Amino acid sequence: MKIDMTLELKDIPGTLIEAIEPVSRHGGNIRSVLHLRTGSGPVPVEIIFEVPDELSLNLIKNSLEERKIRISEIKVEGKKYYEKETHSFMLIGHVIDTGIMDTIDRLNEVGMVSDLDVLMPSPDEKSSVMMNVDVDKEHSKKLMDVMDEISTEKQLLSIKSLD
C-alpha cells in the first residue's frame, strides 16, 4: 500500500528522525521525505512510504500519536484515509479543581489536545482554559459529545469555536 502522510513537526533538532523511526520499525519502506521550513510555526513534512497492510499503517499512526507528533493528513493509494480537524474550546468554571488531567485524558481518547492555555486568578475563583483538540474529521461529532458530557458532569461552561 502506498501511503502519503503529512505531518506538522516542531522545528527542533531530532524531530524528523523521531517521526521517521516508527515507519521503519513497523515495516514501512520510505520512498520520499519532503519538508519546507517556513521560519515560524510547525514544519510541514510529507513522507511517502509503502506498508504491507493496514495493520502496519495503524501501528505507525498510533506510534506517531503517542509521540505527540501531529498528523494532518493520510492518503492511501491516493485516497484520503485520515484528515485532521482542529477544534478550539474554552472552558470556564473550576476547571483545575474538577480535574484538568481527567478532562485531557478523556478528550485524548477521541483526539489529541494539542494546545492548552490556563488562566487561574486565584485558587478560590473560577479558572478558564483555552484548548485546541486535533481529531480525525470522522470523529468530530464524538469529540463534541465527549466535551458536552465533561462540561455537564463537571458543571463547566463550554464555548466551542465556530470553525
Protein backbone atom coordinates (compact mmCIF):
# COMPACT_ATOMS: atom_id res chain seq x y z
CA MET A 1 0.00 0.00 0.00
CA LYS A 2 1.36 3.41 -0.97
CA ILE A 3 0.97 5.96 1.83
CA ASP A 4 1.30 9.73 1.60
CA MET A 5 1.40 11.16 5.14
CA THR A 6 1.63 14.84 6.03
CA LEU A 7 2.95 15.73 9.48
CA GLU A 8 3.41 19.01 11.35
CA LEU A 9 6.76 18.87 13.18
CA LYS A 10 8.33 21.21 15.69
CA ASP A 11 11.45 22.86 14.28
CA ILE A 12 13.75 21.17 16.80
CA PRO A 13 16.81 19.01 16.01
CA GLY A 14 15.94 15.29 16.04
CA THR A 15 12.19 15.68 15.46
CA LEU A 16 12.32 14.45 11.86
CA ILE A 17 14.25 11.32 12.89
CA GLU A 18 11.71 10.73 15.67
CA ALA A 19 8.90 10.90 13.08
CA ILE A 20 10.57 8.58 10.57
CA GLU A 21 11.60 5.87 13.06
CA PRO A 22 8.08 4.37 13.55
CA VAL A 23 7.70 3.96 9.77
CA SER A 24 10.83 1.82 9.65
CA ARG A 25 10.04 -0.04 12.88
CA HIS A 26 6.59 -1.12 11.67
CA GLY A 27 7.60 -2.39 8.23
CA GLY A 28 7.33 0.76 6.14
CA ASN A 29 9.65 1.39 3.20
CA ILE A 30 10.27 5.14 2.85
CA ARG A 31 10.29 6.45 -0.74
CA SER A 32 10.45 10.20 -0.16
CA VAL A 33 10.61 12.86 2.58
CA LEU A 34 9.80 16.47 1.71
CA HIS A 35 9.81 19.38 4.12
CA LEU A 36 9.65 23.14 3.86
CA ARG A 37 10.84 25.36 6.68
CA THR A 38 8.70 28.47 6.71
CA GLY A 39 10.59 30.19 9.51
CA SER A 40 7.80 30.14 12.08
CA GLY A 41 5.44 27.57 13.47
CA PRO A 42 5.42 23.87 12.72
CA VAL A 43 7.27 22.49 9.70
CA PRO A 44 5.03 20.61 7.24
CA VAL A 45 6.65 17.29 6.30
CA GLU A 46 5.34 14.91 3.66
CA ILE A 47 6.51 11.30 3.96
CA ILE A 48 5.76 8.89 1.14
CA PHE A 49 6.22 5.23 2.00
CA GLU A 50 4.87 1.75 1.42
CA VAL A 51 3.50 -0.66 4.00
CA PRO A 52 2.42 -4.27 3.57
CA ASP A 53 -1.03 -3.82 5.15
CA GLU A 54 -3.43 -1.58 7.08
CA LEU A 55 -2.28 -3.01 10.42
CA SER A 56 1.22 -1.63 9.78
CA LEU A 57 -0.24 1.77 8.88
CA ASN A 58 -2.29 1.84 12.10
CA LEU A 59 0.77 0.88 14.17
CA ILE A 60 2.72 3.75 12.57
CA LYS A 61 -0.15 6.22 13.12
CA ASN A 62 -0.59 5.19 16.77
CA SER A 63 3.15 5.38 17.41
CA LEU A 64 3.31 8.92 15.99
CA GLU A 65 0.32 9.99 18.10
CA GLU A 66 1.94 8.53 21.24
CA ARG A 67 4.98 10.69 20.48
CA LYS A 68 2.68 13.75 20.20
CA ILE A 69 3.54 14.15 16.51
CA ARG A 70 0.70 15.90 14.71
CA ILE A 71 -0.66 14.13 11.64
CA SER A 72 -2.59 16.46 9.36
CA GLU A 73 -3.46 14.02 6.57
CA ILE A 74 -3.01 10.44 5.42
CA LYS A 75 -3.71 9.23 1.89
CA VAL A 76 -3.75 5.54 1.00
CA GLU A 77 -3.28 4.83 -2.71
CA GLY A 78 -4.22 8.47 -3.39
CA LYS A 79 -7.49 8.40 -1.38
CA LYS A 80 -7.95 10.29 1.89
CA TYR A 81 -7.72 7.94 4.85
CA TYR A 82 -7.35 10.49 7.65
CA GLU A 83 -7.94 14.22 7.68
CA LYS A 84 -7.25 16.28 10.78
CA GLU A 85 -9.58 18.95 12.08
CA THR A 86 -8.68 21.24 14.96
CA HIS A 87 -11.44 22.35 17.31
CA SER A 88 -10.99 25.11 19.89
CA PHE A 89 -12.81 25.10 23.21
CA MET A 90 -12.93 27.48 26.14
CA LEU A 91 -13.90 26.00 29.49
CA ILE A 92 -14.94 28.30 32.33
CA GLY A 93 -15.53 27.21 35.92
CA HIS A 94 -13.47 25.27 38.42
CA VAL A 95 -11.59 23.60 35.57
CA ILE A 96 -8.46 22.81 37.60
CA ASP A 97 -10.30 21.66 40.74
CA THR A 98 -12.52 19.29 38.76
CA GLY A 99 -9.50 17.51 37.29
CA ILE A 100 -7.89 19.05 34.24
CA MET A 101 -5.82 15.89 33.62
CA ASP A 102 -9.00 13.77 33.61
CA THR A 103 -10.52 16.17 31.06
CA ILE A 104 -7.43 16.00 28.85
CA ASP A 105 -7.23 12.20 29.12
CA ARG A 106 -10.89 11.79 28.12
CA LEU A 107 -10.51 14.13 25.14
CA ASN A 108 -7.32 12.31 24.11
CA GLU A 109 -9.32 9.08 23.82
CA VAL A 110 -11.08 10.65 20.79
CA GLY A 111 -8.50 13.15 19.54
CA MET A 112 -5.39 14.87 20.89
CA VAL A 113 -5.19 18.03 22.98
CA SER A 114 -2.51 19.95 21.10
CA ASP A 115 -2.51 23.32 22.88
CA LEU A 116 -3.62 24.44 26.32
CA ASP A 117 -3.69 27.86 27.99
CA VAL A 118 -4.84 28.29 31.58
CA LEU A 119 -5.91 31.46 33.39
CA MET A 120 -6.29 30.96 37.13
CA PRO A 121 -6.67 34.27 39.04
CA SER A 122 -6.68 32.60 42.48
CA PRO A 123 -7.47 29.14 43.89
CA ASP A 124 -10.90 30.29 45.14
CA GLU A 125 -12.03 31.85 41.86
CA LYS A 126 -13.17 30.20 38.66
CA SER A 127 -10.48 29.43 36.12
CA SER A 128 -10.63 29.40 32.35
CA VAL A 129 -8.89 27.11 29.92
CA MET A 130 -8.50 27.56 26.17
CA MET A 131 -7.60 24.37 24.33
CA ASN A 132 -7.17 23.10 20.81
CA VAL A 133 -8.03 19.48 20.11
CA ASP A 134 -6.94 17.71 16.92
CA VAL A 135 -9.25 14.95 15.73
CA ASP A 136 -9.85 12.80 12.67
CA LYS A 137 -12.62 14.55 10.72
CA GLU A 138 -14.77 11.41 11.02
CA HIS A 139 -14.68 11.63 14.85
CA SER A 140 -15.61 15.32 15.24
CA LYS A 141 -19.16 14.57 16.43
CA LYS A 142 -17.85 12.09 19.03
CA LEU A 143 -15.40 14.76 20.28
CA MET A 144 -18.27 17.26 20.68
CA ASP A 145 -20.32 14.66 22.57
CA VAL A 146 -17.42 13.91 24.94
CA MET A 147 -16.88 17.64 25.56
CA ASP A 148 -20.61 18.11 26.31
CA GLU A 149 -20.50 15.14 28.70
CA ILE A 150 -17.45 16.53 30.53
CA SER A 151 -18.93 20.04 30.75
CA THR A 152 -22.22 18.76 32.18
CA GLU A 153 -20.56 16.36 34.62
CA LYS A 154 -18.08 18.96 35.94
CA GLN A 155 -20.51 21.91 35.73
CA LEU A 156 -18.29 23.89 33.36
CA LEU A 157 -19.34 26.41 30.75
CA SER A 158 -18.05 25.17 27.40
CA ILE A 159 -17.70 27.55 24.45
CA LYS A 160 -16.89 25.93 21.12
CA SER A 161 -15.28 27.60 18.12
CA LEU A 162 -17.41 28.06 15.03
CA ASP A 163 -14.81 26.55 12.66
